[in-house]
């Protein structure tokens, strides 16, 4: 049996963070707006402030976004390097699996 690698654990954590439609909507919103604050983020999804805060927390813990304090407000931005690393890790993990499942050419 194969051991669970640190890369698999990292990918699984990121995929869990990306697995909710509200979090995907938040990421899309953050990619369009320069350092929006939590109140701004609430405008992109029809959810309570506490729910939006929880989704932001999940994205923060996965390292997909970062938070910067501006006075009494917290503003958020996408960690592009981390998101690119997750995409690359996903591609390296899934591509071999897909290639193995393709039908072989009959000779």
PDB file of N, CA and C in Angstrom:
ATOM      1  N   UNK A   1       0.844  -1.186   0.000  1.00  0.00           N
ATOM      2  CA  UNK A   1       0.000   0.000   0.000  1.00  0.00           C
ATOM      3  C   UNK A   1       0.887   1.245   0.000  1.00  0.00           C
ATOM      4  N   UNK A   2       0.491   2.261  -0.753  1.00  0.00           N
ATOM      5  CA  UNK A   2       1.253   3.502  -0.831  1.00  0.00           C
ATOM      6  C   UNK A   2       1.034   4.343   0.417  1.00  0.00           C
ATOM      7  N   UNK A   3       2.099   5.002   0.840  1.00  0.00           N
ATOM      8  CA  UNK A   3       1.985   5.914   1.966  1.00  0.00           C
ATOM      9  C   UNK A   3       1.385   7.235   1.489  1.00  0.00           C
ATOM     10  N   UNK A   4       0.784   7.938   2.425  1.00  0.00           N
ATOM     11  CA  UNK A   4       0.227   9.252   2.107  1.00  0.00           C
ATOM     12  C   UNK A   4       1.360  10.263   2.192  1.00  0.00           C
ATOM     13  N   UNK A   5       1.628  10.901   1.067  1.00  0.00           N
ATOM     14  CA  UNK A   5       2.751  11.837   1.006  1.00  0.00           C
ATOM     15  C   UNK A   5       2.333  13.210   1.542  1.00  0.00           C
ATOM     16  N   UNK A   6       3.308  14.023   1.922  1.00  0.00           N
ATOM     17  CA  UNK A   6       2.994  15.399   2.332  1.00  0.00           C
ATOM     18  C   UNK A   6       2.301  16.184   1.210  1.00  0.00           C
ATOM     19  N   UNK A   7       2.679  15.886  -0.035  1.00  0.00           N
ATOM     20  CA  UNK A   7       2.045  16.561  -1.168  1.00  0.00           C
ATOM     21  C   UNK A   7       0.570  16.185  -1.268  1.00  0.00           C
ATOM     22  N   UNK A   8       0.261  14.900  -1.025  1.00  0.00           N
ATOM     23  CA  UNK A   8      -1.138  14.464  -1.047  1.00  0.00           C
ATOM     24  C   UNK A   8      -1.932  15.161   0.060  1.00  0.00           C
ATOM     25  N   UNK A   9      -1.312  15.289   1.225  1.00  0.00           N
ATOM     26  CA  UNK A   9      -1.986  15.969   2.335  1.00  0.00           C
ATOM     27  C   UNK A   9      -2.215  17.444   2.010  1.00  0.00           C
ATOM     28  N   UNK A  10      -1.215  18.077   1.421  1.00  0.00           N
ATOM     29  CA  UNK A  10      -1.332  19.492   1.038  1.00  0.00           C
ATOM     30  C   UNK A  10      -2.436  19.676  -0.005  1.00  0.00           C
ATOM     31  N   UNK A  11      -2.456  18.806  -1.004  1.00  0.00           N
ATOM     32  CA  UNK A  11      -3.471  18.904  -2.048  1.00  0.00           C
ATOM     33  C   UNK A  11      -4.857  18.674  -1.474  1.00  0.00           C
ATOM     34  N   UNK A  12      -5.006  17.686  -0.603  1.00  0.00           N
ATOM     35  CA  UNK A  12      -6.312  17.396  -0.003  1.00  0.00           C
ATOM     36  C   UNK A  12      -6.815  18.587   0.811  1.00  0.00           C
ATOM     37  N   UNK A  13      -5.932  19.238   1.549  1.00  0.00           N
ATOM     38  CA  UNK A  13      -6.327  20.409   2.347  1.00  0.00           C
ATOM     39  C   UNK A  13      -6.804  21.534   1.439  1.00  0.00           C
ATOM     40  N   UNK A  14      -6.079  21.773   0.361  1.00  0.00           N
ATOM     41  CA  UNK A  14      -6.478  22.821  -0.578  1.00  0.00           C
ATOM     42  C   UNK A  14      -7.794  22.468  -1.267  1.00  0.00           C
ATOM     43  N   UNK A  15      -7.934  21.201  -1.647  1.00  0.00           N
ATOM     44  CA  UNK A  15      -9.163  20.793  -2.333  1.00  0.00           C
ATOM     45  C   UNK A  15     -10.375  20.894  -1.413  1.00  0.00           C
ATOM     46  N   UNK A  16     -10.194  20.587  -0.117  1.00  0.00           N
ATOM     47  CA  UNK A  16     -11.293  20.772   0.836  1.00  0.00           C
ATOM     48  C   UNK A  16     -11.692  22.242   0.886  1.00  0.00           C
ATOM     49  N   UNK A  17     -10.702  23.128   0.889  1.00  0.00           N
ATOM     50  CA  UNK A  17     -10.992  24.563   0.932  1.00  0.00           C
ATOM     51  C   UNK A  17     -11.699  25.022  -0.338  1.00  0.00           C
ATOM     52  N   UNK A  18     -11.379  24.401  -1.446  1.00  0.00           N
ATOM     53  CA  UNK A  18     -11.974  24.787  -2.728  1.00  0.00           C
ATOM     54  C   UNK A  18     -13.294  24.072  -3.015  1.00  0.00           C
ATOM     55  N   UNK A  19     -13.704  23.183  -2.125  1.00  0.00           N
ATOM     56  CA  UNK A  19     -14.850  22.315  -2.425  1.00  0.00           C
ATOM     57  C   UNK A  19     -16.214  22.933  -2.132  1.00  0.00           C
ATOM     58  N   UNK A  20     -16.265  24.189  -1.732  1.00  0.00           N
ATOM     59  CA  UNK A  20     -17.553  24.819  -1.448  1.00  0.00           C
ATOM     60  C   UNK A  20     -17.809  25.938  -2.460  1.00  0.00           C
ATOM     61  N   UNK A  21     -19.009  25.980  -3.041  1.00  0.00           N
ATOM     62  CA  UNK A  21     -19.294  26.998  -4.062  1.00  0.00           C
ATOM     63  C   UNK A  21     -19.144  28.435  -3.552  1.00  0.00           C
ATOM     64  N   UNK A  22     -19.444  28.676  -2.301  1.00  0.00           N
ATOM     65  CA  UNK A  22     -19.296  30.036  -1.764  1.00  0.00           C
ATOM     66  C   UNK A  22     -17.819  30.435  -1.721  1.00  0.00           C
ATOM     67  N   UNK A  23     -16.953  29.490  -1.386  1.00  0.00           N
ATOM     68  CA  UNK A  23     -15.529  29.808  -1.340  1.00  0.00           C
ATOM     69  C   UNK A  23     -14.980  30.046  -2.742  1.00  0.00           C
ATOM     70  N   UNK A  24     -15.488  29.323  -3.734  1.00  0.00           N
ATOM     71  CA  UNK A  24     -15.083  29.586  -5.122  1.00  0.00           C
ATOM     72  C   UNK A  24     -15.551  30.976  -5.555  1.00  0.00           C
ATOM     73  N   UNK A  25     -16.764  31.353  -5.173  1.00  0.00           N
ATOM     74  CA  UNK A  25     -17.279  32.687  -5.497  1.00  0.00           C
ATOM     75  C   UNK A  25     -16.436  33.766  -4.818  1.00  0.00           C
ATOM     76  N   UNK A  26     -16.033  33.516  -3.589  1.00  0.00           N
ATOM     77  CA  UNK A  26     -15.194  34.473  -2.868  1.00  0.00           C
ATOM     78  C   UNK A  26     -13.850  34.623  -3.579  1.00  0.00           C
ATOM     79  N   UNK A  27     -13.247  33.523  -3.990  1.00  0.00           N
ATOM     80  CA  UNK A  27     -11.971  33.599  -4.705  1.00  0.00           C
ATOM     81  C   UNK A  27     -12.110  34.367  -6.010  1.00  0.00           C
ATOM     82  N   UNK A  28     -13.185  34.120  -6.747  1.00  0.00           N
ATOM     83  CA  UNK A  28     -13.416  34.868  -7.990  1.00  0.00           C
ATOM     84  C   UNK A  28     -13.529  36.364  -7.699  1.00  0.00           C
ATOM     85  N   UNK A  29     -14.271  36.695  -6.653  1.00  0.00           N
ATOM     86  CA  UNK A  29     -14.452  38.093  -6.267  1.00  0.00           C
ATOM     87  C   UNK A  29     -13.102  38.714  -5.888  1.00  0.00           C
ATOM     88  N   UNK A  30     -12.311  38.012  -5.093  1.00  0.00           N
ATOM     89  CA  UNK A  30     -11.014  38.535  -4.677  1.00  0.00           C
ATOM     90  C   UNK A  30     -10.079  38.738  -5.863  1.00  0.00           C
ATOM     91  N   UNK A  31     -10.238  37.929  -6.898  1.00  0.00           N
ATOM     92  CA  UNK A  31      -9.376  38.080  -8.071  1.00  0.00           C
ATOM     93  C   UNK A  31      -9.740  39.320  -8.889  1.00  0.00           C
ATOM     94  N   UNK A  32     -10.961  39.816  -8.702  1.00  0.00           N
ATOM     95  CA  UNK A  32     -11.424  40.984  -9.463  1.00  0.00           C
ATOM     96  C   UNK A  32     -11.240  42.307  -8.721  1.00  0.00           C
ATOM     97  N   UNK A  33     -11.153  42.268  -7.396  1.00  0.00           N
ATOM     98  CA  UNK A  33     -11.134  43.481  -6.581  1.00  0.00           C
ATOM     99  C   UNK A  33      -9.793  43.575  -5.850  1.00  0.00           C
ATOM    100  N   UNK A  34      -9.264  44.773  -5.741  1.00  0.00           N
ATOM    101  CA  UNK A  34      -8.004  44.969  -5.031  1.00  0.00           C
ATOM    102  C   UNK A  34      -8.250  45.107  -3.531  1.00  0.00           C
ATOM    103  N   UNK A  35      -7.734  44.164  -2.753  1.00  0.00           N
ATOM    104  CA  UNK A  35      -7.815  44.085  -1.291  1.00  0.00           C
ATOM    105  C   UNK A  35      -9.178  44.479  -0.701  1.00  0.00           C
ATOM    106  N   UNK A  36     -10.227  43.724  -1.041  1.00  0.00           N
ATOM    107  CA  UNK A  36     -11.533  44.005  -0.434  1.00  0.00           C
ATOM    108  C   UNK A  36     -11.568  43.590   1.035  1.00  0.00           C
ATOM    109  N   UNK A  37     -12.392  44.269   1.794  1.00  0.00           N
ATOM    110  CA  UNK A  37     -12.577  43.941   3.205  1.00  0.00           C
ATOM    111  C   UNK A  37     -13.741  42.971   3.343  1.00  0.00           C
ATOM    112  N   UNK A  38     -13.909  42.409   4.548  1.00  0.00           N
ATOM    113  CA  UNK A  38     -14.934  41.393   4.771  1.00  0.00           C
ATOM    114  C   UNK A  38     -16.314  41.889   4.337  1.00  0.00           C
ATOM    115  N   UNK A  39     -16.650  43.133   4.651  1.00  0.00           N
ATOM    116  CA  UNK A  39     -17.949  43.684   4.259  1.00  0.00           C
ATOM    117  C   UNK A  39     -18.126  43.696   2.752  1.00  0.00           C
ATOM    118  N   UNK A  40     -17.036  43.968   2.027  1.00  0.00           N
ATOM    119  CA  UNK A  40     -17.086  43.947   0.562  1.00  0.00           C
ATOM    120  C   UNK A  40     -17.312  42.528   0.057  1.00  0.00           C
ATOM    121  N   UNK A  41     -16.642  41.576   0.683  1.00  0.00           N
ATOM    122  CA  UNK A  41     -16.752  40.175   0.269  1.00  0.00           C
ATOM    123  C   UNK A  41     -18.190  39.689   0.453  1.00  0.00           C
ATOM    124  N   UNK A  42     -18.860  40.181   1.474  1.00  0.00           N
ATOM    125  CA  UNK A  42     -20.247  39.759   1.715  1.00  0.00           C
ATOM    126  C   UNK A  42     -21.149  40.106   0.535  1.00  0.00           C
ATOM    127  N   UNK A  43     -20.788  41.122  -0.242  1.00  0.00           N
ATOM    128  CA  UNK A  43     -21.629  41.508  -1.378  1.00  0.00           C
ATOM    129  C   UNK A  43     -21.581  40.499  -2.516  1.00  0.00           C
ATOM    130  N   UNK A  44     -20.574  39.623  -2.528  1.00  0.00           N
ATOM    131  CA  UNK A  44     -20.466  38.678  -3.645  1.00  0.00           C
ATOM    132  C   UNK A  44     -21.236  37.385  -3.395  1.00  0.00           C
ATOM    133  N   UNK A  45     -21.620  37.140  -2.149  1.00  0.00           N
ATOM    134  CA  UNK A  45     -22.411  35.955  -1.819  1.00  0.00           C
ATOM    135  C   UNK A  45     -23.545  36.369  -0.882  1.00  0.00           C
ATOM    136  N   UNK A  46     -24.663  35.752  -1.027  1.00  0.00           N
ATOM    137  CA  UNK A  46     -25.830  36.096  -0.208  1.00  0.00           C
ATOM    138  C   UNK A  46     -25.820  35.249   1.062  1.00  0.00           C
ATOM    139  N   UNK A  47     -24.858  35.553   1.939  1.00  0.00           N
ATOM    140  CA  UNK A  47     -24.706  34.797   3.175  1.00  0.00           C
ATOM    141  C   UNK A  47     -24.501  35.763   4.336  1.00  0.00           C
ATOM    142  N   UNK A  48     -24.773  35.293   5.526  1.00  0.00           N
ATOM    143  CA  UNK A  48     -24.572  36.101   6.727  1.00  0.00           C
ATOM    144  C   UNK A  48     -23.081  36.392   6.914  1.00  0.00           C
ATOM    145  N   UNK A  49     -22.793  37.476   7.602  1.00  0.00           N
ATOM    146  CA  UNK A  49     -21.412  37.881   7.845  1.00  0.00           C
ATOM    147  C   UNK A  49     -20.622  36.786   8.553  1.00  0.00           C
ATOM    148  N   UNK A  50     -21.246  36.127   9.513  1.00  0.00           N
ATOM    149  CA  UNK A  50     -20.545  35.066  10.241  1.00  0.00           C
ATOM    150  C   UNK A  50     -20.201  33.893   9.328  1.00  0.00           C
ATOM    151  N   UNK A  51     -21.065  33.593   8.375  1.00  0.00           N
ATOM    152  CA  UNK A  51     -20.815  32.503   7.426  1.00  0.00           C
ATOM    153  C   UNK A  51     -19.686  32.879   6.476  1.00  0.00           C
ATOM    154  N   UNK A  52     -19.710  34.118   5.993  1.00  0.00           N
ATOM    155  CA  UNK A  52     -18.630  34.593   5.118  1.00  0.00           C
ATOM    156  C   UNK A  52     -17.302  34.550   5.875  1.00  0.00           C
ATOM    157  N   UNK A  53     -17.314  34.974   7.132  1.00  0.00           N
ATOM    158  CA  UNK A  53     -16.096  34.944   7.950  1.00  0.00           C
ATOM    159  C   UNK A  53     -15.567  33.523   8.090  1.00  0.00           C
ATOM    160  N   UNK A  54     -16.458  32.557   8.255  1.00  0.00           N
ATOM    161  CA  UNK A  54     -16.038  31.157   8.379  1.00  0.00           C
ATOM    162  C   UNK A  54     -15.421  30.665   7.074  1.00  0.00           C
ATOM    163  N   UNK A  55     -16.016  31.034   5.948  1.00  0.00           N
ATOM    164  CA  UNK A  55     -15.444  30.643   4.652  1.00  0.00           C
ATOM    165  C   UNK A  55     -14.077  31.288   4.452  1.00  0.00           C
ATOM    166  N   UNK A  56     -13.932  32.542   4.835  1.00  0.00           N
ATOM    167  CA  UNK A  56     -12.636  33.210   4.741  1.00  0.00           C
ATOM    168  C   UNK A  56     -11.600  32.511   5.615  1.00  0.00           C
ATOM    169  N   UNK A  57     -12.021  32.077   6.791  1.00  0.00           N
ATOM    170  CA  UNK A  57     -11.113  31.369   7.701  1.00  0.00           C
ATOM    171  C   UNK A  57     -10.589  30.082   7.064  1.00  0.00           C
ATOM    172  N   UNK A  58     -11.473  29.333   6.411  1.00  0.00           N
ATOM    173  CA  UNK A  58     -11.059  28.079   5.752  1.00  0.00           C
ATOM    174  C   UNK A  58     -10.042  28.376   4.653  1.00  0.00           C
ATOM    175  N   UNK A  59     -10.302  29.416   3.867  1.00  0.00           N
ATOM    176  CA  UNK A  59      -9.377  29.786   2.794  1.00  0.00           C
ATOM    177  C   UNK A  59      -8.035  30.266   3.364  1.00  0.00           C
ATOM    178  N   UNK A  60      -8.087  30.991   4.470  1.00  0.00           N
ATOM    179  CA  UNK A  60      -6.861  31.448   5.140  1.00  0.00           C
ATOM    180  C   UNK A  60      -6.043  30.269   5.648  1.00  0.00           C
ATOM    181  N   UNK A  61      -6.710  29.331   6.318  1.00  0.00           N
ATOM    182  CA  UNK A  61      -6.017  28.169   6.877  1.00  0.00           C
ATOM    183  C   UNK A  61      -5.382  27.300   5.796  1.00  0.00           C
ATOM    184  N   UNK A  62      -5.984  27.288   4.622  1.00  0.00           N
ATOM    185  CA  UNK A  62      -5.422  26.526   3.502  1.00  0.00           C
ATOM    186  C   UNK A  62      -4.297  27.305   2.816  1.00  0.00           C
ATOM    187  N   UNK A  63      -4.115  28.565   3.209  1.00  0.00           N
ATOM    188  CA  UNK A  63      -3.066  29.391   2.620  1.00  0.00           C
ATOM    189  C   UNK A  63      -3.397  29.948   1.257  1.00  0.00           C
ATOM    190  N   UNK A  64      -4.669  29.882   0.872  1.00  0.00           N
ATOM    191  CA  UNK A  64      -5.071  30.344  -0.460  1.00  0.00           C
ATOM    192  C   UNK A  64      -5.308  31.846  -0.519  1.00  0.00           C
ATOM    193  N   UNK A  65      -5.573  32.459   0.633  1.00  0.00           N
ATOM    194  CA  UNK A  65      -5.730  33.910   0.706  1.00  0.00           C
ATOM    195  C   UNK A  65      -4.907  34.419   1.887  1.00  0.00           C
ATOM    196  N   UNK A  66      -4.698  35.728   1.901  1.00  0.00           N
ATOM    197  CA  UNK A  66      -4.034  36.346   3.040  1.00  0.00           C
ATOM    198  C   UNK A  66      -4.871  37.514   3.532  1.00  0.00           C
ATOM    199  N   UNK A  67      -4.666  37.838   4.807  1.00  0.00           N
ATOM    200  CA  UNK A  67      -5.425  38.908   5.449  1.00  0.00           C
ATOM    201  C   UNK A  67      -4.449  39.993   5.889  1.00  0.00           C
ATOM    202  N   UNK A  68      -4.828  41.240   5.616  1.00  0.00           N
ATOM    203  CA  UNK A  68      -4.044  42.381   6.071  1.00  0.00           C
ATOM    204  C   UNK A  68      -4.973  43.342   6.789  1.00  0.00           C
ATOM    205  N   UNK A  69      -4.559  43.764   7.966  1.00  0.00           N
ATOM    206  CA  UNK A  69      -5.350  44.734   8.703  1.00  0.00           C
ATOM    207  C   UNK A  69      -5.165  46.127   8.142  1.00  0.00           C
ATOM    208  N   UNK A  70      -6.279  46.820   7.955  1.00  0.00           N
ATOM    209  CA  UNK A  70      -6.259  48.219   7.532  1.00  0.00           C
ATOM    210  C   UNK A  70      -7.153  48.977   8.498  1.00  0.00           C
ATOM    211  N   UNK A  71      -6.524  49.538   9.532  1.00  0.00           N
ATOM    212  CA  UNK A  71      -7.296  50.185  10.585  1.00  0.00           C
ATOM    213  C   UNK A  71      -8.064  49.138  11.363  1.00  0.00           C
ATOM    214  N   UNK A  72      -9.375  49.285  11.410  1.00  0.00           N
ATOM    215  CA  UNK A  72     -10.214  48.325  12.131  1.00  0.00           C
ATOM    216  C   UNK A  72     -10.763  47.241  11.213  1.00  0.00           C
ATOM    217  N   UNK A  73     -10.373  47.266   9.954  1.00  0.00           N
ATOM    218  CA  UNK A  73     -10.897  46.307   8.981  1.00  0.00           C
ATOM    219  C   UNK A  73      -9.837  45.290   8.596  1.00  0.00           C
ATOM    220  N   UNK A  74     -10.301  44.105   8.230  1.00  0.00           N
ATOM    221  CA  UNK A  74      -9.439  43.073   7.651  1.00  0.00           C
ATOM    222  C   UNK A  74      -9.713  43.029   6.156  1.00  0.00           C
ATOM    223  N   UNK A  75      -8.649  43.147   5.368  1.00  0.00           N
ATOM    224  CA  UNK A  75      -8.780  43.067   3.915  1.00  0.00           C
ATOM    225  C   UNK A  75      -8.090  41.801   3.431  1.00  0.00           C
ATOM    226  N   UNK A  76      -8.553  41.272   2.314  1.00  0.00           N
ATOM    227  CA  UNK A  76      -8.124  39.961   1.845  1.00  0.00           C
ATOM    228  C   UNK A  76      -7.622  40.029   0.413  1.00  0.00           C
ATOM    229  N   UNK A  77      -6.689  39.144   0.098  1.00  0.00           N
ATOM    230  CA  UNK A  77      -6.215  39.006  -1.274  1.00  0.00           C
ATOM    231  C   UNK A  77      -5.813  37.546  -1.507  1.00  0.00           C
ATOM    232  N   UNK A  78      -5.818  37.174  -2.754  1.00  0.00           N
ATOM    233  CA  UNK A  78      -5.455  35.811  -3.142  1.00  0.00           C
ATOM    234  C   UNK A  78      -3.942  35.651  -3.063  1.00  0.00           C
ATOM    235  N   UNK A  79      -3.494  34.515  -2.573  1.00  0.00           N
ATOM    236  CA  UNK A  79      -2.073  34.141  -2.592  1.00  0.00           C
ATOM    237  C   UNK A  79      -1.837  33.417  -3.917  1.00  0.00           C
ATOM    238  N   UNK A  80      -1.511  34.184  -4.942  1.00  0.00           N
ATOM    239  CA  UNK A  80      -1.370  33.630  -6.295  1.00  0.00           C
ATOM    240  C   UNK A  80      -0.339  32.519  -6.359  1.00  0.00           C
ATOM    241  N   UNK A  81       0.783  32.684  -5.654  1.00  0.00           N
ATOM    242  CA  UNK A  81       1.822  31.655  -5.681  1.00  0.00           C
ATOM    243  C   UNK A  81       1.299  30.339  -5.126  1.00  0.00           C
ATOM    244  N   UNK A  82       0.576  30.408  -4.022  1.00  0.00           N
ATOM    245  CA  UNK A  82       0.026  29.200  -3.394  1.00  0.00           C
ATOM    246  C   UNK A  82      -1.012  28.556  -4.306  1.00  0.00           C
ATOM    247  N   UNK A  83      -1.885  29.360  -4.893  1.00  0.00           N
ATOM    248  CA  UNK A  83      -2.915  28.822  -5.782  1.00  0.00           C
ATOM    249  C   UNK A  83      -2.280  28.179  -7.012  1.00  0.00           C
ATOM    250  N   UNK A  84      -1.232  28.786  -7.536  1.00  0.00           N
ATOM    251  CA  UNK A  84      -0.515  28.190  -8.676  1.00  0.00           C
ATOM    252  C   UNK A  84       0.148  26.879  -8.282  1.00  0.00           C
ATOM    253  N   UNK A  85       0.703  26.835  -7.074  1.00  0.00           N
ATOM    254  CA  UNK A  85       1.335  25.603  -6.592  1.00  0.00           C
ATOM    255  C   UNK A  85       0.306  24.489  -6.443  1.00  0.00           C
ATOM    256  N   UNK A  86      -0.882  24.837  -5.959  1.00  0.00           N
ATOM    257  CA  UNK A  86      -1.958  23.845  -5.820  1.00  0.00           C
ATOM    258  C   UNK A  86      -2.373  23.334  -7.195  1.00  0.00           C
ATOM    259  N   UNK A  87      -2.487  24.241  -8.157  1.00  0.00           N
ATOM    260  CA  UNK A  87      -2.865  23.840  -9.511  1.00  0.00           C
ATOM    261  C   UNK A  87      -1.819  22.895 -10.099  1.00  0.00           C
ATOM    262  N   UNK A  88      -0.561  23.228  -9.916  1.00  0.00           N
ATOM    263  CA  UNK A  88       0.519  22.384 -10.420  1.00  0.00           C
ATOM    264  C   UNK A  88       0.511  21.014  -9.747  1.00  0.00           C
ATOM    265  N   UNK A  89       0.328  21.012  -8.433  1.00  0.00           N
ATOM    266  CA  UNK A  89       0.273  19.753  -7.680  1.00  0.00           C
ATOM    267  C   UNK A  89      -0.919  18.909  -8.120  1.00  0.00           C
ATOM    268  N   UNK A  90      -2.056  19.560  -8.355  1.00  0.00           N
ATOM    269  CA  UNK A  90      -3.245  18.855  -8.847  1.00  0.00           C
ATOM    270  C   UNK A  90      -2.951  18.215 -10.201  1.00  0.00           C
ATOM    271  N   UNK A  91      -2.348  18.999 -11.097  1.00  0.00           N
ATOM    272  CA  UNK A  91      -2.036  18.477 -12.433  1.00  0.00           C
ATOM    273  C   UNK A  91      -1.080  17.289 -12.360  1.00  0.00           C
ATOM    274  N   UNK A  92      -0.036  17.402 -11.510  1.00  0.00           N
ATOM    275  CA  UNK A  92       0.926  16.310 -11.384  1.00  0.00           C
ATOM    276  C   UNK A  92       0.288  15.064 -10.769  1.00  0.00           C
ATOM    277  N   UNK A  93      -0.710  15.261  -9.936  1.00  0.00           N
ATOM    278  CA  UNK A  93      -1.359  14.127  -9.281  1.00  0.00           C
ATOM    279  C   UNK A  93      -2.394  13.471 -10.184  1.00  0.00           C
ATOM    280  N   UNK A  94      -3.186  14.278 -10.861  1.00  0.00           N
ATOM    281  CA  UNK A  94      -4.319  13.754 -11.625  1.00  0.00           C
ATOM    282  C   UNK A  94      -3.924  13.296 -13.033  1.00  0.00           C
ATOM    283  N   UNK A  95      -2.982  13.980 -13.662  1.00  0.00           N
ATOM    284  CA  UNK A  95      -2.612  13.613 -15.036  1.00  0.00           C
ATOM    285  C   UNK A  95      -2.206  12.147 -15.183  1.00  0.00           C
ATOM    286  N   UNK A  96      -1.352  11.628 -14.308  1.00  0.00           N
ATOM    287  CA  UNK A  96      -1.000  10.203 -14.443  1.00  0.00           C
ATOM    288  C   UNK A  96      -2.200   9.276 -14.243  1.00  0.00           C
ATOM    289  N   UNK A  97      -3.108   9.673 -13.387  1.00  0.00           N
ATOM    290  CA  UNK A  97      -4.300   8.846 -13.151  1.00  0.00           C
ATOM    291  C   UNK A  97      -5.182   8.813 -14.385  1.00  0.00           C
ATOM    292  N   UNK A  98      -5.315   9.959 -15.040  1.00  0.00           N
ATOM    293  CA  UNK A  98      -6.146  10.035 -16.238  1.00  0.00           C
ATOM    294  C   UNK A  98      -5.509   9.263 -17.374  1.00  0.00           C
ATOM    295  N   UNK A  99      -4.188   9.376 -17.502  1.00  0.00           N
ATOM    296  CA  UNK A  99      -3.491   8.666 -18.572  1.00  0.00           C
ATOM    297  C   UNK A  99      -3.632   7.157 -18.425  1.00  0.00           C
ATOM    298  N   UNK A 100      -3.633   6.661 -17.187  1.00  0.00           N
ATOM    299  CA  UNK A 100      -3.759   5.232 -16.952  1.00  0.00           C
ATOM    300  C   UNK A 100      -5.164   4.718 -17.277  1.00  0.00           C
ATOM    301  N   UNK A 101      -6.149   5.624 -17.230  1.00  0.00           N
ATOM    302  CA  UNK A 101      -7.524   5.175 -17.454  1.00  0.00           C
ATOM    303  C   UNK A 101      -7.941   5.274 -18.925  1.00  0.00           C
ATOM    304  N   UNK A 102      -7.072   5.855 -19.767  1.00  0.00           N
ATOM    305  CA  UNK A 102      -7.397   5.970 -21.192  1.00  0.00           C
ATOM    306  C   UNK A 102      -7.294   4.598 -21.850  1.00  0.00           C
ATOM    307  N   UNK A 103      -8.228   4.284 -22.776  1.00  0.00           N
ATOM    308  CA  UNK A 103      -8.157   2.988 -23.464  1.00  0.00           C
ATOM    309  C   UNK A 103      -6.879   2.914 -24.322  1.00  0.00           C
ATOM    310  N   UNK A 104      -6.277   1.758 -24.329  1.00  0.00           N
ATOM    311  CA  UNK A 104      -5.072   1.541 -25.115  1.00  0.00           C
ATOM    312  C   UNK A 104      -5.458   1.294 -26.578  1.00  0.00           C
ATOM    313  N   UNK A 105      -4.604   1.767 -27.473  1.00  0.00           N
ATOM    314  CA  UNK A 105      -4.853   1.556 -28.906  1.00  0.00           C
ATOM    315  C   UNK A 105      -4.715   0.077 -29.217  1.00  0.00           C
ATOM    316  N   UNK A 106      -5.677  -0.451 -29.939  1.00  0.00           N
ATOM    317  CA  UNK A 106      -5.606  -1.860 -30.362  1.00  0.00           C
ATOM    318  C   UNK A 106      -4.629  -1.964 -31.517  1.00  0.00           C
ATOM    319  N   UNK A 107      -3.765  -2.948 -31.453  1.00  0.00           N
ATOM    320  CA  UNK A 107      -2.784  -3.107 -32.539  1.00  0.00           C
ATOM    321  C   UNK A 107      -3.067  -4.333 -33.336  1.00  0.00           C
TER     322      UNK A 107
END
